[in-house]
Amino acid sequence: MDLNRRMLLGASVGQAIAAKAWAAEPAVKPGSNGSSPPPLKGLIRKGYANSSIGQMHYHYVEPPQDTGKTPIVFFHPNPFSGIYFSYTLEELGKDRKAIAFDSPGYGESARPSKPATMEEVAAYMAEALEDMGYGNGNKVDVSGFHTGAYIAPELAAARPDMVRRVVLSGVPFWEGELREEKRRDLLNEIILTEDGATVMHEWERWVAHRNPLIPLDRAYDLFVKSVTSGKYEWWAYYGVVNYDARPRFQQIEAPVLLLNPSGEALAATTRLVLPLLKNGKLIERPDLPHQIYDIAVPQMAEIYREFLDGPA
């Protein structure tokens, strides 16, 4: 058993112990503090920023008046787009500019000519942010979920002049045998067929078997984005499975918050990141459901604001 496997086992044991401790407290059931999101208010605007491979598309919300707070930039999970954070943008956009990019090759952003490394993806995002006026001390906060939880820390490591603070959830910190297993599972070209089987598979994943708290129209919007990348869907995973994340996490100077809600599939690997960080904090929230950006928006926003607006 290699070190990574032992660490994962230890993390799983710790998760089980924590679950038992939580079960001993009858006040809240794990994942129970979720609720259907309110209808969107139509506050989200769209924009494009230039990069060396073409335009990067982003969604954003600005508060009615400038509050002086650092803007926050979100990076989405594969295979969606910045709409994954629609409710989050409207909530956090009340008191700071909140931005969510479509990753290169997803949503309406330009696609590179070949699968990109995580370093290249972050560099394209840095170019787009520079085009928007950020960098050289004009900083943003960054946040990522799943695939985005590698884009955000790579940007923080590569561009300390651009990134002030980092919030991550669902970090795919795969090493050793686990990384090779994911390489075999994820780096497979999507086969499009005349019978629409690939599309129906995505429908089953994101609509038919969704959490009942997620409205049908919201699930439909996510489904549409999930099939937009077509046969290129696996390209983002190329960057994930080939990313040497360990030394990059160790280089991040910015404060980093790791957030684990209940049922998060990558909770164990997220915990493994904490010892690598110079200035890291882990928050376990078993009361919150997995889909915090859809059905736990008020609680998520409270956690974000406490971290982003508090002392370093």
Protein backbone atom coordinates (compact mmCIF):
# COMPACT_ATOMS: atom_id res chain seq x y z
CA MET A 1 0.00 0.00 0.00
CA ASP A 2 1.59 3.28 -1.11
CA LEU A 3 1.60 6.50 0.87
CA ASN A 4 -1.26 8.04 -1.07
CA ARG A 5 -3.45 4.99 -0.52
CA ARG A 6 -2.67 5.00 3.20
CA MET A 7 -3.48 8.69 3.42
CA LEU A 8 -6.78 8.15 1.63
CA LEU A 9 -7.60 5.31 4.00
CA GLY A 10 -6.75 7.52 6.96
CA ALA A 11 -8.91 10.29 5.58
CA SER A 12 -11.78 7.85 5.10
CA VAL A 13 -11.43 6.60 8.67
CA GLY A 14 -11.41 10.19 9.90
CA GLN A 15 -14.51 10.88 7.84
CA ALA A 16 -16.25 7.88 9.42
CA ILE A 17 -15.30 9.03 12.92
CA ALA A 18 -16.57 12.51 12.17
CA ALA A 19 -19.80 11.05 10.82
CA LYS A 20 -20.29 9.06 14.04
CA ALA A 21 -19.64 12.15 16.11
CA TRP A 22 -22.16 14.08 14.06
CA ALA A 23 -24.72 11.28 14.38
CA ALA A 24 -24.43 11.60 18.14
CA GLU A 25 -25.88 15.11 17.85
CA PRO A 26 -29.60 14.69 17.03
CA ALA A 27 -30.19 18.37 16.20
CA VAL A 28 -29.31 18.23 12.48
CA LYS A 29 -29.36 15.43 9.95
CA PRO A 30 -26.38 15.40 7.54
CA GLY A 31 -27.19 17.33 4.39
CA SER A 32 -30.55 18.45 5.74
CA ASN A 33 -29.97 22.23 5.65
CA GLY A 34 -30.81 22.64 1.99
CA SER A 35 -33.64 24.43 0.23
CA SER A 36 -34.75 25.14 -3.32
CA PRO A 37 -33.11 28.29 -4.66
CA PRO A 38 -35.21 31.41 -5.21
CA PRO A 39 -35.86 32.46 -8.81
CA LEU A 40 -32.99 34.34 -10.39
CA LYS A 41 -33.49 38.10 -10.45
CA GLY A 42 -31.98 38.75 -13.87
CA LEU A 43 -28.91 40.48 -12.44
CA ILE A 44 -26.33 38.45 -14.34
CA ARG A 45 -24.51 40.15 -17.18
CA LYS A 46 -22.13 38.66 -19.74
CA GLY A 47 -18.79 39.71 -21.13
CA TYR A 48 -15.77 38.56 -23.10
CA ALA A 49 -12.09 38.97 -22.31
CA ASN A 50 -9.15 38.35 -24.64
CA SER A 51 -6.61 35.55 -24.33
CA SER A 52 -3.93 34.11 -26.59
CA ILE A 53 -6.33 31.39 -27.83
CA GLY A 54 -9.32 33.67 -28.34
CA GLN A 55 -12.07 35.18 -26.23
CA MET A 56 -12.99 33.90 -22.79
CA HIS A 57 -16.65 34.28 -21.88
CA TYR A 58 -17.72 35.22 -18.37
CA HIS A 59 -20.85 35.92 -16.33
CA TYR A 60 -20.87 38.60 -13.65
CA VAL A 61 -22.92 40.57 -11.15
CA GLU A 62 -21.93 43.95 -9.75
CA PRO A 63 -23.37 45.58 -6.62
CA PRO A 64 -25.38 48.80 -7.11
CA GLN A 65 -22.52 50.78 -5.53
CA ASP A 66 -18.80 50.09 -5.25
CA THR A 67 -18.14 48.63 -1.79
CA GLY A 68 -14.36 48.47 -2.11
CA LYS A 69 -14.43 44.70 -1.62
CA THR A 70 -12.18 42.44 -3.68
CA PRO A 71 -13.98 40.82 -6.65
CA ILE A 72 -14.39 37.05 -6.56
CA VAL A 73 -13.84 34.83 -9.61
CA PHE A 74 -15.34 31.32 -9.88
CA PHE A 75 -14.13 28.36 -11.95
CA HIS A 76 -16.68 25.65 -12.69
CA PRO A 77 -16.67 21.85 -12.67
CA ASN A 78 -16.50 19.88 -15.89
CA PRO A 79 -18.48 19.77 -18.20
CA PHE A 80 -20.58 22.84 -17.37
CA SER A 81 -19.96 26.57 -17.72
CA GLY A 82 -20.06 29.65 -15.55
CA ILE A 83 -23.84 29.25 -15.19
CA TYR A 84 -23.03 26.62 -12.56
CA PHE A 85 -22.61 29.57 -10.17
CA SER A 86 -25.66 31.61 -11.23
CA TYR A 87 -27.29 31.71 -7.79
CA THR A 88 -23.93 32.33 -6.16
CA LEU A 89 -23.22 35.30 -8.42
CA GLU A 90 -26.51 36.96 -7.57
CA GLU A 91 -25.99 36.41 -3.84
CA LEU A 92 -22.32 37.40 -3.49
CA GLY A 93 -22.78 40.10 -6.12
CA LYS A 94 -24.81 42.07 -3.60
CA ASP A 95 -21.64 43.48 -2.04
CA ARG A 96 -18.75 42.73 -4.45
CA LYS A 97 -18.25 42.03 -8.12
CA ALA A 98 -18.76 38.29 -8.67
CA ILE A 99 -17.46 36.68 -11.87
CA ALA A 100 -17.76 33.15 -13.25
CA PHE A 101 -15.74 32.17 -16.33
CA ASP A 102 -16.54 29.55 -18.90
CA SER A 103 -13.36 27.45 -18.94
CA PRO A 104 -11.43 27.19 -22.23
CA GLY A 105 -13.43 24.98 -24.59
CA TYR A 106 -16.60 25.06 -22.49
CA GLY A 107 -19.68 27.24 -22.59
CA GLU A 108 -18.93 30.11 -24.94
CA SER A 109 -15.16 30.34 -24.37
CA ALA A 110 -12.63 29.63 -27.09
CA ARG A 111 -11.28 26.09 -27.30
CA PRO A 112 -7.52 25.46 -27.48
CA SER A 113 -6.19 23.45 -30.42
CA LYS A 114 -5.42 20.46 -28.18
CA PRO A 115 -6.10 19.34 -24.61
CA ALA A 116 -4.46 21.87 -22.32
CA THR A 117 -2.43 21.32 -19.18
CA MET A 118 -3.69 22.90 -15.97
CA GLU A 119 -0.83 25.38 -16.16
CA GLU A 120 -1.97 26.41 -19.64
CA VAL A 121 -5.63 26.70 -18.58
CA ALA A 122 -4.68 28.94 -15.66
CA ALA A 123 -2.46 31.02 -17.97
CA TYR A 124 -5.39 31.60 -20.35
CA MET A 125 -7.52 32.66 -17.38
CA ALA A 126 -4.75 35.00 -16.21
CA GLU A 127 -4.60 36.57 -19.68
CA ALA A 128 -8.36 37.13 -19.60
CA LEU A 129 -8.19 38.69 -16.14
CA GLU A 130 -5.33 40.92 -17.24
CA ASP A 131 -7.48 42.05 -20.15
CA MET A 132 -10.12 42.97 -17.55
CA GLY A 133 -7.58 45.06 -15.64
CA TYR A 134 -6.48 42.65 -12.91
CA GLY A 135 -2.94 41.68 -11.90
CA ASN A 136 0.11 43.68 -10.88
CA GLY A 137 -1.34 44.15 -7.42
CA ASN A 138 -4.97 44.68 -8.48
CA LYS A 139 -6.13 41.38 -7.01
CA VAL A 140 -9.14 39.11 -7.11
CA ASP A 141 -10.26 36.29 -4.86
CA VAL A 142 -10.68 32.95 -6.63
CA SER A 143 -12.85 29.91 -5.99
CA GLY A 144 -13.16 26.54 -7.70
CA PHE A 145 -15.23 23.38 -7.49
CA HIS A 146 -14.00 19.98 -8.78
CA THR A 147 -12.12 20.80 -12.04
CA GLY A 148 -12.23 24.45 -11.02
CA ALA A 149 -10.60 23.50 -7.72
CA TYR A 150 -7.38 22.97 -9.69
CA ILE A 151 -7.67 26.06 -11.90
CA ALA A 152 -8.03 28.40 -8.92
CA PRO A 153 -5.00 27.19 -6.91
CA GLU A 154 -2.79 27.01 -10.00
CA LEU A 155 -3.69 30.62 -10.75
CA ALA A 156 -2.90 31.52 -7.12
CA ALA A 157 0.48 29.76 -7.27
CA ALA A 158 1.44 31.20 -10.65
CA ARG A 159 0.15 34.74 -10.12
CA PRO A 160 0.45 35.92 -6.51
CA ASP A 161 0.21 39.46 -7.88
CA MET A 162 -3.31 38.65 -9.05
CA VAL A 163 -4.82 36.42 -6.33
CA ARG A 164 -5.58 37.54 -2.77
CA ARG A 165 -7.55 34.60 -1.27
CA VAL A 166 -8.74 31.17 -2.39
CA VAL A 167 -11.83 29.06 -1.62
CA LEU A 168 -11.96 25.43 -2.80
CA SER A 169 -14.46 22.60 -2.55
CA GLY A 170 -14.22 19.11 -4.02
CA VAL A 171 -10.49 19.13 -4.80
CA PRO A 172 -9.53 16.23 -7.15
CA PHE A 173 -6.20 15.66 -5.40
CA TRP A 174 -5.39 12.32 -7.02
CA GLU A 175 -1.94 10.81 -6.72
CA GLY A 176 -0.28 7.43 -7.31
CA GLU A 177 -2.56 4.51 -8.15
CA LEU A 178 -5.67 6.62 -7.72
CA ARG A 179 -4.49 9.09 -10.36
CA GLU A 180 -3.79 6.24 -12.80
CA GLU A 181 -7.24 4.83 -12.14
CA LYS A 182 -8.79 8.21 -12.92
CA ARG A 183 -6.63 8.50 -16.03
CA ARG A 184 -8.11 5.24 -17.34
CA ASP A 185 -11.65 6.25 -16.41
CA LEU A 186 -11.70 9.87 -17.60
CA LEU A 187 -9.37 10.24 -20.58
CA ASN A 188 -11.72 8.60 -23.04
CA GLU A 189 -13.09 10.32 -26.11
CA ILE A 190 -16.84 10.81 -26.09
CA ILE A 191 -18.46 8.81 -28.89
CA LEU A 192 -21.41 10.58 -30.50
CA THR A 193 -24.02 8.22 -31.91
CA GLU A 194 -27.08 8.64 -34.12
CA ASP A 195 -29.41 7.32 -31.41
CA GLY A 196 -28.48 10.10 -28.97
CA ALA A 197 -27.30 7.70 -26.26
CA THR A 198 -24.63 10.10 -25.06
CA VAL A 199 -27.15 12.89 -24.68
CA MET A 200 -29.60 10.65 -22.84
CA HIS A 201 -26.83 9.57 -20.48
CA GLU A 202 -26.27 13.21 -19.53
CA TRP A 203 -30.03 13.71 -19.13
CA GLU A 204 -30.14 10.83 -16.66
CA ARG A 205 -27.21 12.25 -14.70
CA TRP A 206 -28.25 15.87 -14.41
CA VAL A 207 -32.04 15.88 -14.78
CA ALA A 208 -33.73 12.55 -14.15
CA HIS A 209 -31.68 11.78 -11.02
CA ARG A 210 -31.22 15.30 -9.70
CA ASN A 211 -31.81 16.33 -6.12
CA PRO A 212 -35.56 17.08 -5.89
CA LEU A 213 -34.77 20.50 -4.41
CA ILE A 214 -33.26 21.56 -7.74
CA PRO A 215 -35.97 22.99 -10.06
CA LEU A 216 -36.50 21.24 -13.37
CA ASP A 217 -35.64 24.33 -15.43
CA ARG A 218 -32.36 24.75 -13.55
CA ALA A 219 -31.47 21.09 -14.10
CA TYR A 220 -32.32 21.49 -17.78
CA ASP A 221 -30.00 24.49 -18.13
CA LEU A 222 -27.15 22.53 -16.56
CA PHE A 223 -27.89 19.56 -18.82
CA VAL A 224 -27.70 21.77 -21.92
CA LYS A 225 -24.28 23.05 -20.86
CA SER A 226 -23.12 19.52 -20.06
CA VAL A 227 -23.58 18.43 -23.68
CA THR A 228 -22.31 21.63 -25.33
CA SER A 229 -18.68 20.47 -25.38
CA GLY A 230 -19.68 17.26 -27.19
CA LYS A 231 -16.81 14.93 -28.00
CA TYR A 232 -14.36 17.35 -26.32
CA GLU A 233 -15.84 16.90 -22.85
CA TRP A 234 -12.85 14.87 -21.63
CA TRP A 235 -10.30 17.58 -22.50
CA ALA A 236 -10.63 19.29 -19.12
CA TYR A 237 -9.83 16.01 -17.39
CA TYR A 238 -6.54 15.86 -19.28
CA GLY A 239 -5.42 18.91 -17.34
CA VAL A 240 -6.68 17.49 -14.05
CA VAL A 241 -5.10 14.03 -14.16
CA ASN A 242 -1.76 15.32 -15.44
CA TYR A 243 -1.45 18.14 -12.91
CA ASP A 244 1.31 17.84 -10.32
CA ALA A 245 -0.71 19.61 -7.66
CA ARG A 246 1.34 18.84 -4.56
CA PRO A 247 4.24 21.30 -5.14
CA ARG A 248 1.85 23.96 -6.40
CA PHE A 249 -0.29 23.83 -3.27
CA GLN A 250 2.89 24.18 -1.24
CA GLN A 251 3.81 27.36 -3.15
CA ILE A 252 0.56 29.25 -2.58
CA GLU A 253 1.10 32.30 -0.40
CA ALA A 254 -2.55 33.36 -0.25
CA PRO A 255 -4.89 32.16 2.52
CA VAL A 256 -6.88 29.11 1.35
CA LEU A 257 -10.25 27.87 2.64
CA LEU A 258 -11.23 24.25 2.01
CA LEU A 259 -14.97 23.56 2.33
CA ASN A 260 -16.49 20.09 2.75
CA PRO A 261 -20.30 19.79 2.70
CA SER A 262 -22.10 16.50 3.32
CA GLY A 263 -21.88 13.90 0.58
CA GLU A 264 -19.02 15.59 -1.28
CA ALA A 265 -17.47 12.87 -3.44
CA LEU A 266 -14.01 14.43 -3.13
CA ALA A 267 -14.13 15.19 0.59
CA ALA A 268 -11.32 12.77 1.46
CA THR A 269 -8.93 14.13 -1.16
CA THR A 270 -9.81 17.70 -0.18
CA ARG A 271 -8.68 16.96 3.38
CA LEU A 272 -5.30 15.77 2.08
CA VAL A 273 -4.60 19.26 0.74
CA LEU A 274 -4.69 20.98 4.13
CA PRO A 275 -1.21 19.87 5.37
CA LEU A 276 0.35 21.17 2.14
CA LEU A 277 -0.86 24.74 2.57
CA LYS A 278 1.14 27.54 4.18
CA ASN A 279 -2.03 29.28 5.30
CA GLY A 280 -4.98 26.90 5.03
CA LYS A 281 -8.22 26.26 6.84
CA LEU A 282 -10.69 23.36 6.53
CA ILE A 283 -14.39 23.72 7.30
CA GLU A 284 -16.51 20.57 7.61
CA ARG A 285 -20.23 21.25 7.13
CA PRO A 286 -22.09 17.93 7.27
CA ASP A 287 -25.34 19.87 7.70
CA LEU A 288 -25.07 21.25 4.16
CA PRO A 289 -25.96 19.25 1.03
CA HIS A 290 -23.44 18.46 -1.68
CA GLN A 291 -24.87 21.02 -4.14
CA ILE A 292 -24.07 24.08 -2.01
CA TYR A 293 -24.04 26.41 -5.04
CA ASP A 294 -27.66 25.53 -5.81
CA ILE A 295 -29.47 24.46 -2.65
CA ALA A 296 -27.44 25.94 0.20
CA VAL A 297 -26.75 29.41 -1.20
CA PRO A 298 -27.40 31.49 1.96
CA GLN A 299 -25.18 29.26 4.10
CA MET A 300 -22.50 29.10 1.41
CA ALA A 301 -22.50 32.89 1.09
CA GLU A 302 -22.14 33.30 4.85
CA ILE A 303 -19.08 31.03 4.85
CA TYR A 304 -17.54 32.87 1.91
CA ARG A 305 -18.11 36.32 3.37
CA GLU A 306 -16.71 35.37 6.75
CA PHE A 307 -13.52 34.14 5.12
CA LEU A 308 -13.13 36.78 2.41
CA ASP A 309 -14.01 39.75 4.59
CA GLY A 310 -12.24 38.58 7.76
CA PRO A 311 -8.60 38.95 8.81
CA ALA A 312 -6.04 36.98 6.82
